[in-house]
């Protein structure tokens, strides 16, 4: 049987190049990124600091969720529904377990499979379909239609939108030349405008519009700000980006005035109740925030002690949800609240560090978007709880009750840790080849003059 290996001059044997598998064709780029992925044999460990911060926040969040939720579980117990005090805690614990498994899986799968358009576009279309479906047959609670079959599609929409935006903005445009050989700058600027501003606004606008229809104002703000941050980091033209900000402000104010004139006073009521927190006219709308401020003030410097909160006993409605930070400060005090704030700030710093050391633009934008979303959600929640902004119904990451939100947040952490494995490393300086030692020069004989006597 003849040998199929071909010989090349010099006696070396040339190996036959393997064809890419079906999996690689579908999920990975076969071009430059596929070749780049093949060279990532030197991937290192994950960012331990980022992981430890997340685990500490998760443990504190589970403990505080148990402390804040057991009075509500006891109150909701009926003859038909014999809930135990640990009802909410056990559901949150199961969601945390699912989220940790998702985090481990996503940490070990190369994140470039998300850059394949067929994967990202299918996920985006499914996400938009779920947001449409929740408006048609979703469950309405407290005037908002956000739940579909027991979970919130809006929580899934946030990371999928980040991946979609990162994929669009990381497209590399090839240089186009005029007939005379010069670079066609006008065409290049147009392509850059579409990939960094026009398409991201279109993709984000579809999701934001469906979220606004629920209504879910906090999610609209989050996806809008995340999109703007990613556009800025993705290389948008400064003049075009500044003009876009002006347009967003003008359209936003005009839209609020138009909706108010048409009788859709959802935003106006939230804003007026925020400005008049202690006005009896808005006593129903401001019940949560007034009891939240009482809880924060009752905590003092070091708190009343873990499990000793008084506001969670039916004074503060649903303390295990959006206003869990108020119960945390009441039990752990101002110092405990500041430790949590410091942990989230460190989370942001570590995320910025991972994004800055990402090996490519897609990884940088992916980490930037996910980190911005987590920190912005924390910031908005603290501002709402302390009456720093109108109540928009935003949850506190890793703390608030909600299985879908917690599992998705831990999955996002897995993607960030995945990018950290491929971070750029400083290359050791190249050592210059040692110069060959030179043979010692023979010494010349020294003639000593003789003295004549």
Protein backbone atom coordinates (compact mmCIF):
# COMPACT_ATOMS: atom_id res chain seq x y z
CA UNK A 1 0.00 0.00 0.00
CA UNK A 2 1.45 3.33 -1.05
CA UNK A 3 2.16 5.93 1.55
CA UNK A 4 -0.19 8.93 1.19
CA UNK A 5 2.20 11.36 2.83
CA UNK A 6 4.00 13.55 0.38
CA UNK A 7 7.68 14.23 0.70
CA UNK A 8 9.11 17.68 0.22
CA UNK A 9 12.65 18.66 -0.70
CA UNK A 10 14.97 18.14 2.22
CA UNK A 11 13.51 14.82 3.28
CA UNK A 12 10.71 16.27 5.52
CA UNK A 13 7.22 14.79 5.37
CA UNK A 14 4.32 17.18 4.75
CA UNK A 15 1.16 16.30 6.72
CA UNK A 16 -2.22 16.50 5.06
CA UNK A 17 -4.27 19.47 6.36
CA UNK A 18 -7.42 18.40 8.20
CA UNK A 19 -10.78 19.79 7.07
CA UNK A 20 -12.69 21.82 9.69
CA UNK A 21 -15.45 19.86 11.40
CA UNK A 22 -19.13 20.68 11.05
CA UNK A 23 -19.19 22.03 14.62
CA UNK A 24 -16.33 24.42 13.89
CA UNK A 25 -17.96 25.58 10.65
CA UNK A 26 -21.24 26.38 12.38
CA UNK A 27 -20.13 27.79 15.71
CA UNK A 28 -16.70 29.24 15.01
CA UNK A 29 -15.34 31.56 12.37
CA UNK A 30 -13.24 29.70 9.82
CA UNK A 31 -11.37 32.86 8.95
CA UNK A 32 -8.99 34.93 11.04
CA UNK A 33 -10.76 34.27 14.35
CA UNK A 34 -10.79 30.53 13.74
CA UNK A 35 -7.06 30.61 13.15
CA UNK A 36 -6.66 32.83 16.19
CA UNK A 37 -8.65 30.38 18.30
CA UNK A 38 -6.34 27.56 17.30
CA UNK A 39 -3.42 29.48 18.78
CA UNK A 40 -4.99 29.89 22.21
CA UNK A 41 -3.20 26.93 23.72
CA UNK A 42 -1.63 29.10 26.39
CA UNK A 43 -4.83 30.14 28.15
CA UNK A 44 -4.30 30.84 31.82
CA UNK A 45 -6.42 30.80 34.92
CA UNK A 46 -9.49 32.91 35.57
CA UNK A 47 -9.48 36.23 37.39
CA UNK A 48 -9.57 35.01 41.00
CA UNK A 49 -10.28 38.47 42.45
CA UNK A 50 -13.42 38.88 40.33
CA UNK A 51 -14.63 35.37 41.22
CA UNK A 52 -14.08 35.87 44.96
CA UNK A 53 -15.97 39.18 44.95
CA UNK A 54 -18.94 37.53 43.23
CA UNK A 55 -18.96 34.58 45.64
CA UNK A 56 -18.83 36.88 48.68
CA UNK A 57 -21.73 38.95 47.31
CA UNK A 58 -23.68 35.76 46.56
CA UNK A 59 -23.23 34.36 50.08
CA UNK A 60 -24.18 37.65 51.75
CA UNK A 61 -27.11 38.00 49.35
CA UNK A 62 -28.48 34.53 50.15
CA UNK A 63 -28.21 35.14 53.89
CA UNK A 64 -29.93 38.52 53.68
CA UNK A 65 -32.60 37.13 51.38
CA UNK A 66 -33.41 34.47 53.97
CA UNK A 67 -33.55 37.05 56.75
CA UNK A 68 -35.78 39.40 54.75
CA UNK A 69 -38.13 36.76 53.31
CA UNK A 70 -39.17 34.45 56.13
CA UNK A 71 -41.78 36.83 57.65
CA UNK A 72 -43.38 37.19 54.21
CA UNK A 73 -43.40 33.40 53.75
CA UNK A 74 -45.08 32.89 57.12
CA UNK A 75 -47.65 35.57 56.35
CA UNK A 76 -48.55 33.93 53.01
CA UNK A 77 -49.08 30.49 54.59
CA UNK A 78 -52.63 29.19 54.20
CA UNK A 79 -54.47 25.92 54.74
CA UNK A 80 -54.11 25.10 51.05
CA UNK A 81 -50.53 26.35 50.80
CA UNK A 82 -48.48 25.36 53.85
CA UNK A 83 -45.33 27.36 53.16
CA UNK A 84 -42.35 27.01 55.43
CA UNK A 85 -40.32 30.04 56.56
CA UNK A 86 -37.53 28.89 54.23
CA UNK A 87 -39.78 28.88 51.14
CA UNK A 88 -38.20 31.84 49.33
CA UNK A 89 -34.70 30.99 50.52
CA UNK A 90 -34.84 27.42 49.18
CA UNK A 91 -36.11 28.60 45.78
CA UNK A 92 -33.32 31.16 45.62
CA UNK A 93 -30.80 28.52 46.65
CA UNK A 94 -31.88 26.24 43.79
CA UNK A 95 -31.56 29.12 41.35
CA UNK A 96 -28.08 29.85 42.70
CA UNK A 97 -27.09 26.21 42.11
CA UNK A 98 -28.33 26.37 38.51
CA UNK A 99 -26.51 29.67 38.02
CA UNK A 100 -23.24 28.30 39.39
CA UNK A 101 -23.42 25.34 37.01
CA UNK A 102 -24.05 27.74 34.10
CA UNK A 103 -21.14 29.88 35.28
CA UNK A 104 -18.76 26.89 35.32
CA UNK A 105 -19.88 25.74 31.85
CA UNK A 106 -19.59 29.19 30.28
CA UNK A 107 -16.22 29.73 31.90
CA UNK A 108 -14.77 26.73 30.08
CA UNK A 109 -16.34 27.16 26.62
CA UNK A 110 -14.35 29.54 24.37
CA UNK A 111 -16.38 32.71 24.20
CA UNK A 112 -15.75 33.19 20.46
CA UNK A 113 -18.58 30.81 19.61
CA UNK A 114 -20.90 33.71 20.52
CA UNK A 115 -19.30 35.81 17.80
CA UNK A 116 -20.65 33.55 15.07
CA UNK A 117 -23.58 35.49 13.53
CA UNK A 118 -25.82 32.41 13.16
CA UNK A 119 -25.67 31.77 16.95
CA UNK A 120 -26.16 35.37 18.05
CA UNK A 121 -28.91 36.24 15.58
CA UNK A 122 -30.94 33.12 16.44
CA UNK A 123 -30.65 33.94 20.16
CA UNK A 124 -31.71 37.55 19.49
CA UNK A 125 -34.74 36.50 17.42
CA UNK A 126 -35.84 34.03 20.12
CA UNK A 127 -35.41 36.75 22.74
CA UNK A 128 -37.55 39.22 20.78
CA UNK A 129 -40.16 36.50 20.27
CA UNK A 130 -40.35 35.89 24.03
CA UNK A 131 -40.76 39.62 24.70
CA UNK A 132 -43.63 39.74 22.20
CA UNK A 133 -45.18 36.60 23.69
CA UNK A 134 -45.10 38.01 27.22
CA UNK A 135 -47.22 40.96 26.04
CA UNK A 136 -49.78 38.58 24.54
CA UNK A 137 -50.09 35.89 27.19
CA UNK A 138 -47.88 37.03 30.08
CA UNK A 139 -48.86 37.24 33.73
CA UNK A 140 -49.69 40.71 35.06
CA UNK A 141 -48.58 41.52 38.63
CA UNK A 142 -48.84 45.00 40.19
CA UNK A 143 -49.80 46.54 36.86
CA UNK A 144 -46.77 45.18 34.94
CA UNK A 145 -46.83 42.27 32.45
CA UNK A 146 -43.33 40.84 32.81
CA UNK A 147 -43.71 37.14 33.63
CA UNK A 148 -44.09 34.28 31.19
CA UNK A 149 -44.36 30.69 32.46
CA UNK A 150 -42.75 31.69 35.77
CA UNK A 151 -39.74 33.63 34.49
CA UNK A 152 -38.98 37.11 33.16
CA UNK A 153 -37.86 37.25 29.49
CA UNK A 154 -36.49 40.74 30.18
CA UNK A 155 -33.71 39.22 32.30
CA UNK A 156 -32.68 36.98 29.41
CA UNK A 157 -32.86 39.90 26.98
CA UNK A 158 -30.13 41.92 28.72
CA UNK A 159 -27.13 39.58 28.16
CA UNK A 160 -28.35 38.51 24.71
CA UNK A 161 -28.51 42.16 23.66
CA UNK A 162 -24.97 42.72 24.96
CA UNK A 163 -23.67 39.77 22.92
CA UNK A 164 -25.52 41.01 19.82
CA UNK A 165 -24.11 44.52 20.15
CA UNK A 166 -20.58 43.21 20.75
CA UNK A 167 -20.82 41.04 17.65
CA UNK A 168 -21.99 43.94 15.47
CA UNK A 169 -19.42 46.45 16.74
CA UNK A 170 -16.47 44.08 16.47
CA UNK A 171 -16.83 43.56 12.72
CA UNK A 172 -13.60 44.50 10.98
CA UNK A 173 -14.08 46.53 7.80
CA UNK A 174 -11.63 45.96 4.97
CA UNK A 175 -10.05 49.00 3.38
CA UNK A 176 -11.75 50.13 0.20
CA UNK A 177 -9.84 52.07 -2.44
CA UNK A 178 -10.74 54.57 -5.12
CA UNK A 179 -9.81 53.91 -8.77
CA UNK A 180 -6.69 56.04 -8.27
CA UNK A 181 -5.51 53.76 -5.44
CA UNK A 182 -6.30 56.10 -2.50
CA UNK A 183 -8.38 54.92 0.45
CA UNK A 184 -12.11 55.61 0.10
CA UNK A 185 -12.60 57.40 3.42
CA UNK A 186 -16.26 58.25 2.79
CA UNK A 187 -17.24 54.61 2.33
CA UNK A 188 -15.17 53.56 5.35
CA UNK A 189 -16.84 56.21 7.54
CA UNK A 190 -20.26 55.07 6.36
CA UNK A 191 -19.49 51.45 7.23
CA UNK A 192 -18.18 52.52 10.64
CA UNK A 193 -21.35 54.58 11.26
CA UNK A 194 -23.56 51.58 10.52
CA UNK A 195 -21.61 49.18 12.74
CA UNK A 196 -21.06 51.51 15.72
CA UNK A 197 -24.22 53.65 15.80
CA UNK A 198 -27.03 52.87 13.34
CA UNK A 199 -27.34 49.08 13.72
CA UNK A 200 -26.77 49.09 17.53
CA UNK A 201 -29.52 51.72 17.94
CA UNK A 202 -31.88 49.66 15.78
CA UNK A 203 -31.16 46.41 17.61
CA UNK A 204 -31.45 48.05 21.03
CA UNK A 205 -34.56 50.04 20.05
CA UNK A 206 -36.57 46.91 19.27
CA UNK A 207 -35.81 45.41 22.69
CA UNK A 208 -36.31 48.70 24.55
CA UNK A 209 -39.65 49.30 22.86
CA UNK A 210 -40.97 45.88 23.89
CA UNK A 211 -39.70 46.40 27.44
CA UNK A 212 -41.40 49.78 27.63
CA UNK A 213 -44.70 48.18 26.59
CA UNK A 214 -44.67 45.82 29.61
CA UNK A 215 -43.98 48.45 31.22
CA UNK A 216 -40.45 47.85 32.56
CA UNK A 217 -38.88 51.30 32.79
CA UNK A 218 -35.75 50.22 34.69
CA UNK A 219 -34.88 47.61 32.04
CA UNK A 220 -35.32 50.25 29.30
CA UNK A 221 -32.89 52.57 31.09
CA UNK A 222 -30.36 49.75 31.62
CA UNK A 223 -30.32 48.52 28.02
CA UNK A 224 -30.16 52.11 26.75
CA UNK A 225 -27.20 53.11 28.93
CA UNK A 226 -25.36 49.84 28.24
CA UNK A 227 -25.79 50.40 24.50
CA UNK A 228 -24.40 53.95 24.75
CA UNK A 229 -21.39 52.80 26.79
CA UNK A 230 -20.64 50.00 24.32
CA UNK A 231 -20.96 52.39 21.35
CA UNK A 232 -18.50 54.78 22.97
CA UNK A 233 -16.03 51.97 23.72
CA UNK A 234 -16.65 50.40 20.30
CA UNK A 235 -15.09 53.34 18.48
CA UNK A 236 -18.06 55.53 17.52
CA UNK A 237 -17.21 58.93 16.06
CA UNK A 238 -17.16 61.53 18.85
CA UNK A 239 -19.22 64.11 16.96
CA UNK A 240 -21.83 61.56 15.91
CA UNK A 241 -21.96 60.13 19.41
CA UNK A 242 -22.43 63.57 20.98
CA UNK A 243 -25.17 64.39 18.48
CA UNK A 244 -26.84 61.09 19.35
CA UNK A 245 -26.86 61.97 23.06
CA UNK A 246 -28.57 65.29 22.31
CA UNK A 247 -31.17 63.53 20.17
CA UNK A 248 -31.81 60.93 22.91
CA UNK A 249 -32.40 63.66 25.53
CA UNK A 250 -34.71 65.68 23.27
CA UNK A 251 -36.71 62.64 22.11
CA UNK A 252 -36.94 61.31 25.68
CA UNK A 253 -38.31 64.57 27.10
CA UNK A 254 -40.65 65.01 24.15
CA UNK A 255 -41.90 61.45 24.48
CA UNK A 256 -42.65 61.89 28.18
CA UNK A 257 -44.63 65.07 27.48
CA UNK A 258 -46.55 63.38 24.66
CA UNK A 259 -47.43 60.34 26.75
CA UNK A 260 -48.57 62.57 29.60
CA UNK A 261 -50.80 64.54 27.20
CA UNK A 262 -52.30 61.28 25.88
CA UNK A 263 -53.20 60.17 29.41
CA UNK A 264 -50.43 57.61 29.83
CA UNK A 265 -49.28 58.95 33.19
CA UNK A 266 -47.16 56.00 34.39
CA UNK A 267 -43.86 57.92 34.24
CA UNK A 268 -45.38 61.19 35.46
CA UNK A 269 -46.87 59.54 38.55
CA UNK A 270 -43.54 57.94 39.45
CA UNK A 271 -41.73 61.25 39.04
CA UNK A 272 -44.25 63.32 41.02
CA UNK A 273 -44.38 60.78 43.86
CA UNK A 274 -40.58 60.90 44.04
CA UNK A 275 -40.59 64.69 44.36
CA UNK A 276 -43.37 64.57 47.00
CA UNK A 277 -42.38 61.50 49.00
CA UNK A 278 -44.12 62.55 52.21
CA UNK A 279 -47.16 64.19 50.60
CA UNK A 280 -50.38 62.43 51.73
CA UNK A 281 -51.65 62.68 48.14
CA UNK A 282 -49.05 60.07 47.10
CA UNK A 283 -49.17 57.92 50.25
CA UNK A 284 -49.95 54.73 48.34
CA UNK A 285 -47.21 55.25 45.72
CA UNK A 286 -44.55 56.12 48.33
CA UNK A 287 -45.36 53.46 50.93
CA UNK A 288 -42.30 51.38 50.06
CA UNK A 289 -39.82 54.24 49.92
CA UNK A 290 -41.02 55.78 53.21
CA UNK A 291 -40.62 52.48 55.06
CA UNK A 292 -37.30 51.94 53.30
CA UNK A 293 -35.97 55.23 54.68
CA UNK A 294 -37.21 54.27 58.15
CA UNK A 295 -35.37 50.94 57.91
CA UNK A 296 -32.12 52.59 56.81
CA UNK A 297 -32.33 55.17 59.57
CA UNK A 298 -33.06 52.52 62.19
CA UNK A 299 -29.87 50.63 61.39
CA UNK A 300 -27.49 53.27 62.70
CA UNK A 301 -23.78 52.68 62.30
CA UNK A 302 -23.64 48.93 63.00
CA UNK A 303 -27.24 47.76 62.62
CA UNK A 304 -29.76 46.08 64.89
CA UNK A 305 -28.28 42.62 64.25
CA UNK A 306 -28.73 39.88 61.68
CA UNK A 307 -32.37 38.72 61.60
CA UNK A 308 -33.51 41.49 63.96
CA UNK A 309 -35.10 43.84 61.43
CA UNK A 310 -38.50 45.25 62.36
CA UNK A 311 -39.50 46.79 59.04
CA UNK A 312 -39.65 43.39 57.32
CA UNK A 313 -42.66 42.42 59.47
CA UNK A 314 -45.23 43.68 56.93
CA UNK A 315 -44.20 47.35 57.24
CA UNK A 316 -42.01 47.31 54.12
CA UNK A 317 -43.97 45.51 51.36
CA UNK A 318 -42.14 42.53 49.82
CA UNK A 319 -38.81 43.21 51.53
CA UNK A 320 -37.12 40.27 49.78
CA UNK A 321 -37.39 41.92 46.36
CA UNK A 322 -36.28 45.35 45.21
CA UNK A 323 -35.90 46.86 48.70
CA UNK A 324 -33.73 44.16 50.25
CA UNK A 325 -30.86 46.65 50.54
CA UNK A 326 -32.92 48.63 53.08
CA UNK A 327 -33.30 45.52 55.28
CA UNK A 328 -29.58 44.82 54.85
CA UNK A 329 -28.63 48.29 56.10
CA UNK A 330 -31.11 48.02 58.97
CA UNK A 331 -29.59 44.74 60.18
CA UNK A 332 -25.92 45.34 59.29
CA UNK A 333 -25.86 49.11 59.70
CA UNK A 334 -24.25 51.86 57.67
CA UNK A 335 -20.88 50.10 57.82
CA UNK A 336 -22.34 46.87 56.48
CA UNK A 337 -24.02 48.75 53.65
CA UNK A 338 -20.75 50.49 52.78
CA UNK A 339 -18.95 47.14 52.62
CA UNK A 340 -21.48 45.94 50.04
CA UNK A 341 -21.08 49.17 48.07
CA UNK A 342 -17.30 48.72 48.18
CA UNK A 343 -17.61 45.15 46.89
CA UNK A 344 -19.64 46.30 43.90
CA UNK A 345 -17.12 49.05 43.18
CA UNK A 346 -14.33 46.45 43.26
CA UNK A 347 -16.45 44.31 40.92
CA UNK A 348 -16.55 47.22 38.49
CA UNK A 349 -12.79 47.82 38.76
CA UNK A 350 -11.99 44.15 38.14
CA UNK A 351 -14.39 44.08 35.19
CA UNK A 352 -12.72 47.14 33.66
CA UNK A 353 -9.34 45.46 34.13
CA UNK A 354 -10.54 42.28 32.39
CA UNK A 355 -11.99 44.31 29.51
CA UNK A 356 -8.79 46.29 29.14
CA UNK A 357 -6.74 43.10 28.88
CA UNK A 358 -9.11 41.22 26.57
CA UNK A 359 -7.35 39.69 23.55
CA UNK A 360 -9.72 41.21 20.98
CA UNK A 361 -12.43 43.81 20.47
CA UNK A 362 -15.29 41.35 20.82
CA UNK A 363 -14.07 40.19 24.23
CA UNK A 364 -13.52 43.78 25.37
CA UNK A 365 -17.03 44.86 24.36
CA UNK A 366 -18.61 41.73 25.85
CA UNK A 367 -17.04 42.30 29.27
CA UNK A 368 -17.73 46.05 29.09
CA UNK A 369 -21.42 45.51 28.43
CA UNK A 370 -21.96 42.82 31.06
CA UNK A 371 -20.00 44.67 33.76
CA UNK A 372 -21.82 47.91 33.01
CA UNK A 373 -25.17 46.16 33.26
CA UNK A 374 -24.41 44.59 36.65
CA UNK A 375 -22.98 47.76 38.19
CA UNK A 376 -25.68 50.03 36.73
CA UNK A 377 -28.37 47.76 38.10
CA UNK A 378 -26.75 47.91 41.55
CA UNK A 379 -26.40 51.70 41.37
CA UNK A 380 -30.02 52.24 40.33
CA UNK A 381 -31.29 49.94 43.09
CA UNK A 382 -29.34 51.77 45.81
CA UNK A 383 -30.51 55.14 44.49
CA UNK A 384 -34.14 53.98 44.49
CA UNK A 385 -33.91 52.51 48.00
CA UNK A 386 -32.35 55.73 49.36
CA UNK A 387 -34.84 57.92 47.40
CA UNK A 388 -32.11 59.21 45.09
CA UNK A 389 -34.24 58.55 41.98
CA UNK A 390 -37.87 57.56 41.21
CA UNK A 391 -38.90 54.00 41.94
CA UNK A 392 -38.41 52.03 38.72
CA UNK A 393 -38.61 48.45 40.01
CA UNK A 394 -34.98 47.40 39.61
CA UNK A 395 -33.58 44.46 41.59
CA UNK A 396 -30.25 44.26 43.44
CA UNK A 397 -27.88 41.78 41.72
CA UNK A 398 -27.10 38.63 43.79
CA UNK A 399 -29.46 39.82 46.58
CA UNK A 400 -33.05 40.32 45.41
CA UNK A 401 -35.41 37.37 45.17
CA UNK A 402 -35.79 36.10 41.62
CA UNK A 403 -34.53 32.80 40.28
CA UNK A 404 -34.30 33.87 36.64
CA UNK A 405 -32.35 37.03 37.45
CA UNK A 406 -29.87 35.27 39.76
CA UNK A 407 -29.18 32.41 37.34
CA UNK A 408 -28.67 34.83 34.43
CA UNK A 409 -26.36 37.06 36.50
CA UNK A 410 -24.15 34.11 37.43
CA UNK A 411 -24.09 33.03 33.78
CA UNK A 412 -22.91 36.54 32.88
CA UNK A 413 -20.14 36.18 35.45
CA UNK A 414 -19.12 32.96 33.67
CA UNK A 415 -18.74 34.82 30.37
CA UNK A 416 -16.63 37.52 32.04
CA UNK A 417 -14.39 34.89 33.65
CA UNK A 418 -14.11 33.16 30.27
CA UNK A 419 -12.67 36.30 28.68
CA UNK A 420 -10.30 36.71 31.64
CA UNK A 421 -8.72 33.33 30.80
CA UNK A 422 -7.46 34.69 27.50
CA UNK A 423 -6.26 38.06 28.78
CA UNK A 424 -3.18 39.56 27.22
CA UNK A 425 0.02 38.79 29.08
CA UNK A 426 3.25 40.67 29.07
CA UNK A 427 5.78 38.92 26.91
CA UNK A 428 9.20 38.48 28.52
CA UNK A 429 11.88 40.58 26.85
CA UNK A 430 13.73 38.73 24.13
CA UNK A 431 17.17 37.69 25.22
CA UNK A 432 19.94 38.71 22.89
CA UNK A 433 22.11 35.85 21.70
CA UNK A 434 25.29 35.69 23.66
CA UNK A 435 28.28 36.96 21.76
CA UNK A 436 31.02 34.36 21.17
CA UNK A 437 33.89 34.74 23.55
CA UNK A 438 36.94 36.22 21.97
CA UNK A 439 40.31 34.58 22.41
CA UNK A 440 42.58 36.60 24.70
CA UNK A 441 45.13 38.65 22.84
CA UNK A 442 48.72 37.48 23.41
CA UNK A 443 50.69 39.83 25.53
CA UNK A 444 53.63 41.48 23.90
CA UNK A 445 56.97 40.89 25.49
CA UNK A 446 58.16 43.92 27.40
CA UNK A 447 61.76 44.75 26.86
CA UNK A 448 63.54 45.91 29.97
CA UNK A 449 66.47 48.20 29.18
CA UNK A 450 69.76 47.09 30.61
CA UNK A 451 71.77 49.56 32.64
CA UNK A 452 75.42 49.68 31.82
CA UNK A 453 77.68 49.93 34.75
